Amino acid sequence: MNHEAKPRIYTIGHGNAPFQEIERILRLHGVATLIDVRSAPYSKYSPDFRKSALAENAAGAGLGYRWMGDRLGGTETGSVRTVPAATDGPVVNESAMAGALAEVVALNETGPVALLCAERDPEHCHRLITLAPRLEALGSEVFHILPDGAAHRHQPSLGI
């Protein structure tokens, strides 16, 4: 049987790492474009990841850069609004998110992409609970890049 490989999409969190460390890890996985999914693309503690600096750093490293936090972000200003624990989970603007995820899948056809957020551990980020399942429903395989550079396939029932 001929099984075609599903397109692979990565996720990564920058934490307090310098851009050079994240760039090195992205290169290990052949990532061509960084898609910023932070609804507020600014960092008080990591100046390399302020939106304008990140765009410059990515360009200087030969990486594409797109900000999609307005539709794929994980806070109230983005597509996903964090809600109190007493509710069932995040409130999602499905229409905006669906359009943005279709763009991610299309962009991934031109070269591997990585969704970037601030949280290094995907288990504590909307990349795991909101974005990865939707991308997999669109036919992609999602791999979460951990701080040590290892990439683990998304497993809905087990977290990573």
C-alpha atoms as a PDB file:
ATOM      1  CA  MET A   1       0.000   0.000   0.000  1.00  0.00           C
ATOM      2  CA  ASN A   2       1.158   3.493  -0.801  1.00  0.00           C
ATOM      3  CA  HIS A   3       0.576   5.790   2.157  1.00  0.00           C
ATOM      4  CA  GLU A   4       1.260   9.417   1.464  1.00  0.00           C
ATOM      5  CA  ALA A   5       2.841  11.242   4.364  1.00  0.00           C
ATOM      6  CA  LYS A   6       0.686  13.927   5.900  1.00  0.00           C
ATOM      7  CA  PRO A   7       2.080  17.447   5.872  1.00  0.00           C
ATOM      8  CA  ARG A   8       3.943  18.191   9.089  1.00  0.00           C
ATOM      9  CA  ILE A   9       3.358  21.415  11.018  1.00  0.00           C
ATOM     10  CA  TYR A  10       5.417  22.315  14.072  1.00  0.00           C
ATOM     11  CA  THR A  11       4.713  24.360  17.178  1.00  0.00           C
ATOM     12  CA  ILE A  12       7.332  25.983  19.407  1.00  0.00           C
ATOM     13  CA  GLY A  13       7.430  28.315  22.402  1.00  0.00           C
ATOM     14  CA  HIS A  14      10.238  30.811  22.949  1.00  0.00           C
ATOM     15  CA  GLY A  15      10.127  31.210  26.735  1.00  0.00           C
ATOM     16  CA  ASN A  16      13.204  33.182  27.802  1.00  0.00           C
ATOM     17  CA  ALA A  17      15.464  31.716  25.111  1.00  0.00           C
ATOM     18  CA  PRO A  18      17.319  34.093  22.799  1.00  0.00           C
ATOM     19  CA  PHE A  19      16.274  34.127  19.151  1.00  0.00           C
ATOM     20  CA  GLN A  20      19.493  32.360  18.115  1.00  0.00           C
ATOM     21  CA  GLU A  21      18.536  29.292  20.172  1.00  0.00           C
ATOM     22  CA  ILE A  22      15.051  29.140  18.662  1.00  0.00           C
ATOM     23  CA  GLU A  23      16.525  29.653  15.179  1.00  0.00           C
ATOM     24  CA  ARG A  24      18.931  26.746  15.727  1.00  0.00           C
ATOM     25  CA  ILE A  25      16.079  24.456  16.786  1.00  0.00           C
ATOM     26  CA  LEU A  26      13.891  25.533  13.864  1.00  0.00           C
ATOM     27  CA  ARG A  27      16.748  24.751  11.450  1.00  0.00           C
ATOM     28  CA  LEU A  28      17.050  21.242  12.922  1.00  0.00           C
ATOM     29  CA  HIS A  29      13.477  20.659  11.770  1.00  0.00           C
ATOM     30  CA  GLY A  30      13.783  22.414   8.412  1.00  0.00           C
ATOM     31  CA  VAL A  31      11.289  25.158   9.264  1.00  0.00           C
ATOM     32  CA  ALA A  32      10.997  27.826   6.565  1.00  0.00           C
ATOM     33  CA  THR A  33       8.374  30.145   8.077  1.00  0.00           C
ATOM     34  CA  LEU A  34       7.603  31.211  11.630  1.00  0.00           C
ATOM     35  CA  ILE A  35       3.946  31.962  12.306  1.00  0.00           C
ATOM     36  CA  ASP A  36       3.521  34.070  15.418  1.00  0.00           C
ATOM     37  CA  VAL A  37       0.289  33.049  17.177  1.00  0.00           C
ATOM     38  CA  ARG A  38       0.683  35.363  20.172  1.00  0.00           C
ATOM     39  CA  SER A  39      -2.256  37.746  20.427  1.00  0.00           C
ATOM     40  CA  ALA A  40       0.063  40.293  22.065  1.00  0.00           C
ATOM     41  CA  PRO A  41       3.360  39.895  20.160  1.00  0.00           C
ATOM     42  CA  TYR A  42       5.479  41.757  22.665  1.00  0.00           C
ATOM     43  CA  SER A  43       7.793  40.521  25.389  1.00  0.00           C
ATOM     44  CA  LYS A  44       9.010  42.470  28.380  1.00  0.00           C
ATOM     45  CA  TYR A  45      11.526  39.749  29.233  1.00  0.00           C
ATOM     46  CA  SER A  46      12.575  38.567  25.758  1.00  0.00           C
ATOM     47  CA  PRO A  47      13.227  41.592  23.548  1.00  0.00           C
ATOM     48  CA  ASP A  48      14.226  39.304  20.642  1.00  0.00           C
ATOM     49  CA  PHE A  49      10.551  38.319  20.437  1.00  0.00           C
ATOM     50  CA  ARG A  50       8.933  41.728  20.256  1.00  0.00           C
ATOM     51  CA  LYS A  51       7.015  41.731  16.982  1.00  0.00           C
ATOM     52  CA  SER A  52       9.272  44.130  15.067  1.00  0.00           C
ATOM     53  CA  ALA A  53      12.492  42.567  16.408  1.00  0.00           C
ATOM     54  CA  LEU A  54      11.214  39.066  15.655  1.00  0.00           C
ATOM     55  CA  ALA A  55      10.335  40.022  12.087  1.00  0.00           C
ATOM     56  CA  GLU A  56      13.859  41.439  11.632  1.00  0.00           C
ATOM     57  CA  ASN A  57      15.528  38.444  13.300  1.00  0.00           C
ATOM     58  CA  ALA A  58      13.553  36.000  11.168  1.00  0.00           C
ATOM     59  CA  ALA A  59      14.397  37.868   7.953  1.00  0.00           C
ATOM     60  CA  GLY A  60      18.068  38.011   8.929  1.00  0.00           C
ATOM     61  CA  ALA A  61      18.010  34.242   9.475  1.00  0.00           C
ATOM     62  CA  GLY A  62      16.345  33.620   6.121  1.00  0.00           C
ATOM     63  CA  LEU A  63      13.033  32.621   7.705  1.00  0.00           C
ATOM     64  CA  GLY A  64       9.645  33.875   6.686  1.00  0.00           C
ATOM     65  CA  TYR A  65       7.589  35.564   9.402  1.00  0.00           C
ATOM     66  CA  ARG A  66       3.842  36.040   9.706  1.00  0.00           C
ATOM     67  CA  TRP A  67       1.863  37.371  12.653  1.00  0.00           C
ATOM     68  CA  MET A  68      -1.530  35.657  12.972  1.00  0.00           C
ATOM     69  CA  GLY A  69      -2.184  36.307  16.638  1.00  0.00           C
ATOM     70  CA  ASP A  70      -5.284  38.329  15.802  1.00  0.00           C
ATOM     71  CA  ARG A  71      -6.950  35.087  14.613  1.00  0.00           C
ATOM     72  CA  LEU A  72      -4.916  32.358  16.279  1.00  0.00           C
ATOM     73  CA  GLY A  73      -3.968  34.042  19.554  1.00  0.00           C
ATOM     74  CA  GLY A  74      -4.601  32.622  22.975  1.00  0.00           C
ATOM     75  CA  THR A  75      -6.039  35.580  24.871  1.00  0.00           C
ATOM     76  CA  GLU A  76      -9.119  37.746  24.802  1.00  0.00           C
ATOM     77  CA  THR A  77      -7.745  39.965  22.047  1.00  0.00           C
ATOM     78  CA  GLY A  78      -7.149  36.977  19.797  1.00  0.00           C
ATOM     79  CA  SER A  79      -9.397  34.270  18.460  1.00  0.00           C
ATOM     80  CA  VAL A  80      -9.233  32.270  21.650  1.00  0.00           C
ATOM     81  CA  ARG A  81     -10.307  33.889  24.890  1.00  0.00           C
ATOM     82  CA  THR A  82      -9.120  32.390  28.140  1.00  0.00           C
ATOM     83  CA  VAL A  83     -12.110  31.747  30.396  1.00  0.00           C
ATOM     84  CA  PRO A  84     -12.461  30.807  34.069  1.00  0.00           C
ATOM     85  CA  ALA A  85     -11.767  27.185  34.995  1.00  0.00           C
ATOM     86  CA  ALA A  86     -15.429  26.636  35.893  1.00  0.00           C
ATOM     87  CA  THR A  87     -16.346  26.639  32.209  1.00  0.00           C
ATOM     88  CA  ASP A  88     -15.679  23.960  29.625  1.00  0.00           C
ATOM     89  CA  GLY A  89     -12.741  25.686  27.968  1.00  0.00           C
ATOM     90  CA  PRO A  90     -11.723  28.523  25.689  1.00  0.00           C
ATOM     91  CA  VAL A  91     -14.223  30.497  23.692  1.00  0.00           C
ATOM     92  CA  VAL A  92     -13.236  30.390  20.033  1.00  0.00           C
ATOM     93  CA  ASN A  93     -14.048  32.614  17.080  1.00  0.00           C
ATOM     94  CA  GLU A  94     -14.321  29.593  14.797  1.00  0.00           C
ATOM     95  CA  SER A  95     -14.769  31.522  11.550  1.00  0.00           C
ATOM     96  CA  ALA A  96     -11.656  33.667  11.979  1.00  0.00           C
ATOM     97  CA  MET A  97      -9.642  30.718  13.236  1.00  0.00           C
ATOM     98  CA  ALA A  98     -10.746  28.429  10.393  1.00  0.00           C
ATOM     99  CA  GLY A  99      -9.634  30.972   7.802  1.00  0.00           C
ATOM    100  CA  ALA A 100      -6.278  31.463   9.487  1.00  0.00           C
ATOM    101  CA  LEU A 101      -5.686  27.718   9.836  1.00  0.00           C
ATOM    102  CA  ALA A 102      -6.439  27.269   6.128  1.00  0.00           C
ATOM    103  CA  GLU A 103      -3.743  29.898   5.450  1.00  0.00           C
ATOM    104  CA  VAL A 104      -1.311  28.005   7.704  1.00  0.00           C
ATOM    105  CA  VAL A 105      -1.953  24.749   5.833  1.00  0.00           C
ATOM    106  CA  ALA A 106      -1.529  26.486   2.451  1.00  0.00           C
ATOM    107  CA  LEU A 107       1.686  28.209   3.564  1.00  0.00           C
ATOM    108  CA  ASN A 108       3.019  24.878   4.832  1.00  0.00           C
ATOM    109  CA  GLU A 109       2.767  23.557   1.267  1.00  0.00           C
ATOM    110  CA  THR A 110       5.562  25.958   0.270  1.00  0.00           C
ATOM    111  CA  GLY A 111       7.840  24.851   3.131  1.00  0.00           C
ATOM    112  CA  PRO A 112       7.554  23.700   6.745  1.00  0.00           C
ATOM    113  CA  VAL A 113       6.016  26.166   9.187  1.00  0.00           C
ATOM    114  CA  ALA A 114       6.172  26.478  12.962  1.00  0.00           C
ATOM    115  CA  LEU A 115       3.532  28.154  15.101  1.00  0.00           C
ATOM    116  CA  LEU A 116       5.311  30.279  17.711  1.00  0.00           C
ATOM    117  CA  CYS A 117       3.950  31.265  21.114  1.00  0.00           C
ATOM    118  CA  ALA A 118       5.616  32.441  24.314  1.00  0.00           C
ATOM    119  CA  GLU A 119       4.996  29.353  26.473  1.00  0.00           C
ATOM    120  CA  ARG A 120       7.866  26.872  26.042  1.00  0.00           C
ATOM    121  CA  ASP A 121       5.862  23.905  27.330  1.00  0.00           C
ATOM    122  CA  PRO A 122       3.056  23.126  24.866  1.00  0.00           C
ATOM    123  CA  GLU A 123       1.042  21.481  27.640  1.00  0.00           C
ATOM    124  CA  HIS A 124       0.504  24.949  29.084  1.00  0.00           C
ATOM    125  CA  CYS A 125      -0.377  26.614  25.803  1.00  0.00           C
ATOM    126  CA  HIS A 126      -3.316  26.955  23.427  1.00  0.00           C
ATOM    127  CA  ARG A 127      -1.119  25.411  20.702  1.00  0.00           C
ATOM    128  CA  LEU A 128      -1.853  22.027  22.278  1.00  0.00           C
ATOM    129  CA  ILE A 129      -5.542  22.255  23.160  1.00  0.00           C
ATOM    130  CA  THR A 130      -6.871  24.577  20.482  1.00  0.00           C
ATOM    131  CA  LEU A 131      -4.632  24.804  17.416  1.00  0.00           C
ATOM    132  CA  ALA A 132      -3.106  21.323  17.054  1.00  0.00           C
ATOM    133  CA  PRO A 133      -6.409  19.387  17.033  1.00  0.00           C
ATOM    134  CA  ARG A 134      -7.861  21.698  14.393  1.00  0.00           C
ATOM    135  CA  LEU A 135      -4.770  21.417  12.194  1.00  0.00           C
ATOM    136  CA  GLU A 136      -4.891  17.640  12.457  1.00  0.00           C
ATOM    137  CA  ALA A 137      -8.574  17.716  11.498  1.00  0.00           C
ATOM    138  CA  LEU A 138      -7.435  19.530   8.337  1.00  0.00           C
ATOM    139  CA  GLY A 139      -5.117  16.634   7.489  1.00  0.00           C
ATOM    140  CA  SER A 140      -1.788  17.775   8.937  1.00  0.00           C
ATOM    141  CA  GLU A 141       0.440  16.056  11.471  1.00  0.00           C
ATOM    142  CA  VAL A 142       1.382  18.400  14.298  1.00  0.00           C
ATOM    143  CA  PHE A 143       4.674  18.080  16.155  1.00  0.00           C
ATOM    144  CA  HIS A 144       5.403  20.109  19.286  1.00  0.00           C
ATOM    145  CA  ILE A 145       9.040  21.160  19.597  1.00  0.00           C
ATOM    146  CA  LEU A 146      10.180  20.974  23.211  1.00  0.00           C
ATOM    147  CA  PRO A 147      12.868  23.164  24.833  1.00  0.00           C
ATOM    148  CA  ASP A 148      15.541  20.513  24.213  1.00  0.00           C
ATOM    149  CA  GLY A 149      14.775  20.621  20.471  1.00  0.00           C
ATOM    150  CA  ALA A 150      13.025  17.241  20.309  1.00  0.00           C
ATOM    151  CA  ALA A 151       9.752  17.182  18.383  1.00  0.00           C
ATOM    152  CA  HIS A 152       6.888  15.050  19.682  1.00  0.00           C
ATOM    153  CA  ARG A 153       3.807  14.182  17.670  1.00  0.00           C
ATOM    154  CA  HIS A 154       0.620  15.683  19.032  1.00  0.00           C
ATOM    155  CA  GLN A 155      -1.460  13.119  20.900  1.00  0.00           C
ATOM    156  CA  PRO A 156      -4.849  14.496  21.906  1.00  0.00           C
ATOM    157  CA  SER A 157      -5.627  12.006  24.635  1.00  0.00           C
ATOM    158  CA  LEU A 158      -2.198  12.156  26.245  1.00  0.00           C
ATOM    159  CA  GLY A 159      -1.262  15.789  25.810  1.00  0.00           C
ATOM    160  CA  ILE A 160       2.004  15.287  23.961  1.00  0.00           C
END
